[in-house]
Amino acid sequence: MRDLSTFKGCPAPQPVRLEGRFVVVEPYDRAVHLEALWEGLGGHEVNPLLTYFTQPDFKGIEDFDTWLTAVQKGGWVTEVFRDKATGKVVGMANYMRPDPANGVVEVGGVAHGPAMSRSPLATEAHYLLARHVFEDLGYRRYEWKCHNENEPSKVTAKRYGFSFEGVFRQHMLSKGKNRDTAWFSMIDGEWPLIRAAFEAWLDPHNFDDAGRQERRLEELRAEIAASAT
């Protein structure tokens, strides 16, 4: 167990470039990424993708730009996902609500564009983001929160290795309606197991000639956990 008697906190997350086999995670730069990210998230089809985000629907790229600028000024560190095979921007996530003194940070504002569907891109991107938090920055706790009605997000959090912690009822307003928020986390003591499963899943041997997974991430994590006991 980690000795916290000398813990002095962690550095606040900063824009960072992280590269994997399938995806590059790179800091959002308005001049470089605004139009590419808008298109990668579906253009005017972005609003259904962001159904559970709290901000009003976007009428166009100008609204999207205004929102991104505002959340970054509010402390979000926006990272975009670039498909290495095509060079296209395909999604985003944000480091948000950092608490460096206690070693806690959240990943949120997550949006995976259509090109990330049924591909290794999202899994690798979130592996890279988590690895940076735990190994480069030394954080103790990594959070994932979502609207409690957002079932795909809850399934994704559990698949990545986040543990469900409960629901904060009437946590906030979202698009003029109540939002109950589901909370998930992973902690530093769990990271070695979660990392090993991510890396086993991402290994080239885990994919057939058509690029389909041979074994599920949850299956690999359970097997690694069982072998450690």
Protein backbone atom coordinates (compact mmCIF):
# COMPACT_ATOMS: atom_id res chain seq x y z
CA MET A 1 0.00 0.00 0.00
CA ARG A 2 1.21 3.49 -0.84
CA ASP A 3 2.84 5.42 2.01
CA LEU A 4 0.99 8.75 2.19
CA SER A 5 2.96 10.20 5.08
CA THR A 6 5.17 12.10 2.64
CA PHE A 7 2.59 12.64 -0.13
CA LYS A 8 2.90 16.23 -1.36
CA GLY A 9 0.23 16.21 -4.02
CA CYS A 10 0.49 15.87 -7.79
CA PRO A 11 1.07 18.26 -10.67
CA ALA A 12 -2.07 19.55 -12.33
CA PRO A 13 -2.76 17.88 -15.69
CA GLN A 14 -1.38 19.82 -18.64
CA PRO A 15 -1.91 19.34 -22.38
CA VAL A 16 0.02 16.25 -23.41
CA ARG A 17 0.73 14.16 -26.50
CA LEU A 18 0.46 10.39 -26.07
CA GLU A 19 1.01 7.88 -28.86
CA GLY A 20 -0.11 4.28 -29.14
CA ARG A 21 -0.26 1.71 -31.92
CA PHE A 22 -3.68 2.79 -33.18
CA VAL A 23 -4.25 6.32 -31.92
CA VAL A 24 -2.50 9.55 -31.06
CA VAL A 25 -3.88 11.60 -28.17
CA GLU A 26 -2.94 15.22 -28.71
CA PRO A 27 -3.73 18.57 -27.04
CA TYR A 28 -6.63 20.48 -28.55
CA ASP A 29 -5.47 23.42 -30.63
CA ARG A 30 -8.33 25.49 -32.00
CA ALA A 31 -6.53 26.42 -35.21
CA VAL A 32 -5.63 22.81 -35.94
CA HIS A 33 -8.53 20.83 -34.51
CA LEU A 34 -11.80 22.80 -34.40
CA GLU A 35 -13.14 21.91 -37.84
CA ALA A 36 -11.60 18.43 -37.83
CA LEU A 37 -13.11 17.60 -34.43
CA TRP A 38 -16.52 18.98 -35.42
CA GLU A 39 -16.53 16.80 -38.52
CA GLY A 40 -15.07 13.81 -36.69
CA LEU A 41 -17.93 13.94 -34.19
CA GLY A 42 -20.49 14.04 -36.97
CA GLY A 43 -20.90 17.72 -37.77
CA HIS A 44 -24.55 18.63 -37.23
CA GLU A 45 -25.11 15.07 -35.99
CA VAL A 46 -23.01 15.88 -32.93
CA ASN A 47 -26.04 16.70 -30.78
CA PRO A 48 -27.42 13.14 -30.64
CA LEU A 49 -23.90 11.97 -29.80
CA LEU A 50 -23.78 14.46 -26.92
CA THR A 51 -27.31 13.81 -25.66
CA TYR A 52 -26.10 13.46 -22.08
CA PHE A 53 -23.79 16.48 -22.04
CA THR A 54 -25.16 19.32 -19.94
CA GLN A 55 -24.80 22.19 -22.41
CA PRO A 56 -27.64 23.14 -24.81
CA ASP A 57 -27.61 21.62 -28.30
CA PHE A 58 -25.26 23.24 -30.78
CA LYS A 59 -26.74 25.10 -33.75
CA GLY A 60 -23.45 24.88 -35.60
CA ILE A 61 -19.69 24.87 -35.31
CA GLU A 62 -19.72 28.38 -33.83
CA ASP A 63 -21.64 27.14 -30.78
CA PHE A 64 -19.30 24.17 -30.51
CA ASP A 65 -16.31 26.52 -30.62
CA THR A 66 -17.83 28.78 -27.94
CA TRP A 67 -18.46 25.81 -25.66
CA LEU A 68 -14.96 24.33 -26.09
CA THR A 69 -13.39 27.71 -25.39
CA ALA A 70 -15.49 28.14 -22.25
CA VAL A 71 -14.75 24.72 -20.76
CA GLN A 72 -11.04 25.16 -21.36
CA LYS A 73 -11.11 28.54 -19.63
CA GLY A 74 -12.94 26.74 -16.82
CA GLY A 75 -10.02 24.36 -16.34
CA TRP A 76 -10.68 21.43 -18.67
CA VAL A 77 -7.67 20.03 -20.52
CA THR A 78 -9.10 18.93 -23.86
CA GLU A 79 -7.37 16.08 -25.68
CA VAL A 80 -8.35 14.91 -29.15
CA PHE A 81 -7.96 11.45 -30.64
CA ARG A 82 -6.35 11.02 -34.05
CA ASP A 83 -6.57 7.72 -35.94
CA LYS A 84 -3.01 6.82 -36.92
CA ALA A 85 -4.17 4.82 -39.94
CA THR A 86 -6.18 7.64 -41.53
CA GLY A 87 -4.78 10.74 -39.86
CA LYS A 88 -8.31 11.89 -39.07
CA VAL A 89 -9.52 13.35 -35.76
CA VAL A 90 -12.12 10.93 -34.41
CA GLY A 91 -12.97 11.91 -30.83
CA MET A 92 -12.06 13.70 -27.64
CA ALA A 93 -11.88 13.53 -23.85
CA ASN A 94 -10.94 15.99 -21.12
CA TYR A 95 -9.01 15.93 -17.90
CA MET A 96 -11.32 17.88 -15.60
CA ARG A 97 -11.97 18.86 -12.00
CA PRO A 98 -8.39 18.14 -10.91
CA ASP A 99 -7.64 18.01 -7.20
CA PRO A 100 -3.84 17.85 -7.23
CA ALA A 101 -3.53 18.17 -3.45
CA ASN A 102 -5.37 14.88 -3.00
CA GLY A 103 -4.25 13.24 -6.23
CA VAL A 104 -7.70 13.05 -7.84
CA VAL A 105 -8.75 13.88 -11.40
CA GLU A 106 -11.69 13.04 -13.66
CA VAL A 107 -11.87 12.11 -17.32
CA GLY A 108 -15.02 13.61 -18.82
CA GLY A 109 -16.54 15.35 -21.79
CA VAL A 110 -15.86 12.07 -23.59
CA ALA A 111 -17.09 11.85 -27.17
CA HIS A 112 -16.22 9.04 -29.58
CA GLY A 113 -17.03 9.82 -33.19
CA PRO A 114 -18.48 7.24 -35.61
CA ALA A 115 -15.02 6.21 -36.85
CA MET A 116 -14.14 4.95 -33.36
CA SER A 117 -17.05 2.51 -33.26
CA ARG A 118 -16.08 -1.16 -33.08
CA SER A 119 -12.36 -0.39 -33.28
CA PRO A 120 -9.42 -0.49 -30.85
CA LEU A 121 -9.08 3.30 -30.97
CA ALA A 122 -11.20 4.18 -27.94
CA THR A 123 -9.73 1.46 -25.74
CA GLU A 124 -6.18 2.48 -26.53
CA ALA A 125 -6.93 6.20 -26.10
CA HIS A 126 -8.33 5.65 -22.62
CA TYR A 127 -5.46 3.33 -21.71
CA LEU A 128 -3.03 6.10 -22.66
CA LEU A 129 -4.95 8.74 -20.70
CA ALA A 130 -5.12 6.57 -17.57
CA ARG A 131 -1.46 5.54 -17.81
CA HIS A 132 -0.44 9.20 -17.97
CA VAL A 133 -2.51 10.02 -14.88
CA PHE A 134 -1.15 7.20 -12.73
CA GLU A 135 2.41 6.78 -13.98
CA ASP A 136 3.49 10.20 -15.23
CA LEU A 137 1.55 12.41 -12.81
CA GLY A 138 1.29 10.07 -9.82
CA TYR A 139 -2.44 10.43 -9.16
CA ARG A 140 -4.20 8.25 -6.61
CA ARG A 141 -7.74 8.29 -8.03
CA TYR A 142 -9.14 8.60 -11.56
CA GLU A 143 -12.85 9.29 -11.93
CA TRP A 144 -15.50 8.73 -14.60
CA LYS A 145 -18.95 10.26 -14.13
CA CYS A 146 -21.97 10.20 -16.40
CA HIS A 147 -25.71 10.81 -16.52
CA ASN A 148 -27.30 7.84 -14.81
CA GLU A 149 -29.49 7.28 -17.89
CA ASN A 150 -26.43 6.98 -20.13
CA GLU A 151 -26.20 3.20 -20.21
CA PRO A 152 -23.50 3.02 -22.94
CA SER A 153 -21.22 5.23 -20.86
CA LYS A 154 -21.74 3.10 -17.76
CA VAL A 155 -20.98 -0.07 -19.72
CA THR A 156 -17.84 1.53 -21.14
CA ALA A 157 -16.61 2.64 -17.72
CA LYS A 158 -16.95 -0.86 -16.33
CA ARG A 159 -15.28 -2.36 -19.40
CA TYR A 160 -12.25 -0.13 -18.93
CA GLY A 161 -11.91 -1.20 -15.29
CA PHE A 162 -13.62 1.64 -13.44
CA SER A 163 -15.59 0.52 -10.36
CA PHE A 164 -19.16 1.73 -9.85
CA GLU A 165 -19.48 3.70 -6.61
CA GLY A 166 -23.09 4.87 -6.59
CA VAL A 167 -25.50 7.50 -7.86
CA PHE A 168 -25.60 11.13 -6.76
CA ARG A 169 -29.30 11.96 -6.95
CA GLN A 170 -30.33 15.38 -8.31
CA HIS A 171 -26.66 16.13 -8.77
CA MET A 172 -27.13 18.83 -11.42
CA LEU A 173 -29.32 20.19 -14.18
CA SER A 174 -28.77 18.98 -17.72
CA LYS A 175 -30.54 20.63 -20.65
CA GLY A 176 -33.21 21.95 -18.31
CA LYS A 177 -33.88 18.60 -16.64
CA ASN A 178 -32.67 16.77 -13.56
CA ARG A 179 -29.50 14.72 -13.83
CA ASP A 180 -28.68 11.90 -11.43
CA THR A 181 -24.97 11.18 -11.83
CA ALA A 182 -23.38 7.73 -11.74
CA TRP A 183 -19.87 7.75 -10.23
CA PHE A 184 -17.05 5.38 -11.17
CA SER A 185 -13.37 5.33 -10.25
CA MET A 186 -10.14 3.43 -10.53
CA ILE A 187 -7.38 3.89 -7.96
CA ASP A 188 -3.62 3.58 -8.03
CA GLY A 189 -3.55 0.22 -6.25
CA GLU A 190 -5.75 -1.24 -8.99
CA TRP A 191 -3.83 0.24 -11.88
CA PRO A 192 -1.20 -2.51 -12.34
CA LEU A 193 -3.94 -5.09 -12.95
CA ILE A 194 -5.96 -2.75 -15.17
CA ARG A 195 -2.83 -1.83 -17.14
CA ALA A 196 -1.86 -5.48 -17.66
CA ALA A 197 -5.33 -6.25 -19.03
CA PHE A 198 -5.29 -3.23 -21.35
CA GLU A 199 -1.90 -4.25 -22.71
CA ALA A 200 -2.92 -7.87 -23.18
CA TRP A 201 -6.06 -6.75 -25.04
CA LEU A 202 -4.11 -4.32 -27.24
CA ASP A 203 -1.44 -6.90 -28.10
CA PRO A 204 -1.47 -7.68 -31.86
CA HIS A 205 -1.98 -11.37 -31.05
CA ASN A 206 -5.40 -10.53 -29.59
CA PHE A 207 -6.75 -9.60 -33.04
CA ASP A 208 -7.54 -11.86 -35.97
CA ASP A 209 -6.72 -11.09 -39.60
CA ALA A 210 -9.93 -9.04 -39.90
CA GLY A 211 -9.00 -6.94 -36.87
CA ARG A 212 -11.58 -8.53 -34.56
CA GLN A 213 -10.72 -9.12 -30.91
CA GLU A 214 -9.98 -12.67 -29.84
CA ARG A 215 -10.61 -12.10 -26.13
CA ARG A 216 -12.62 -9.46 -24.29
CA LEU A 217 -10.97 -6.92 -22.02
CA GLU A 218 -13.11 -7.97 -19.03
CA GLU A 219 -12.16 -11.61 -19.58
CA LEU A 220 -8.45 -10.81 -19.64
CA ARG A 221 -8.70 -8.68 -16.50
CA ALA A 222 -10.52 -11.44 -14.61
CA GLU A 223 -7.94 -14.02 -15.73
CA ILE A 224 -5.00 -11.85 -14.66
CA ALA A 225 -6.65 -11.16 -11.31
CA ALA A 226 -7.27 -14.87 -10.73
CA SER A 227 -3.66 -15.76 -11.56
CA ALA A 228 -2.43 -13.23 -9.00
CA THR A 229 -4.32 -14.82 -6.10
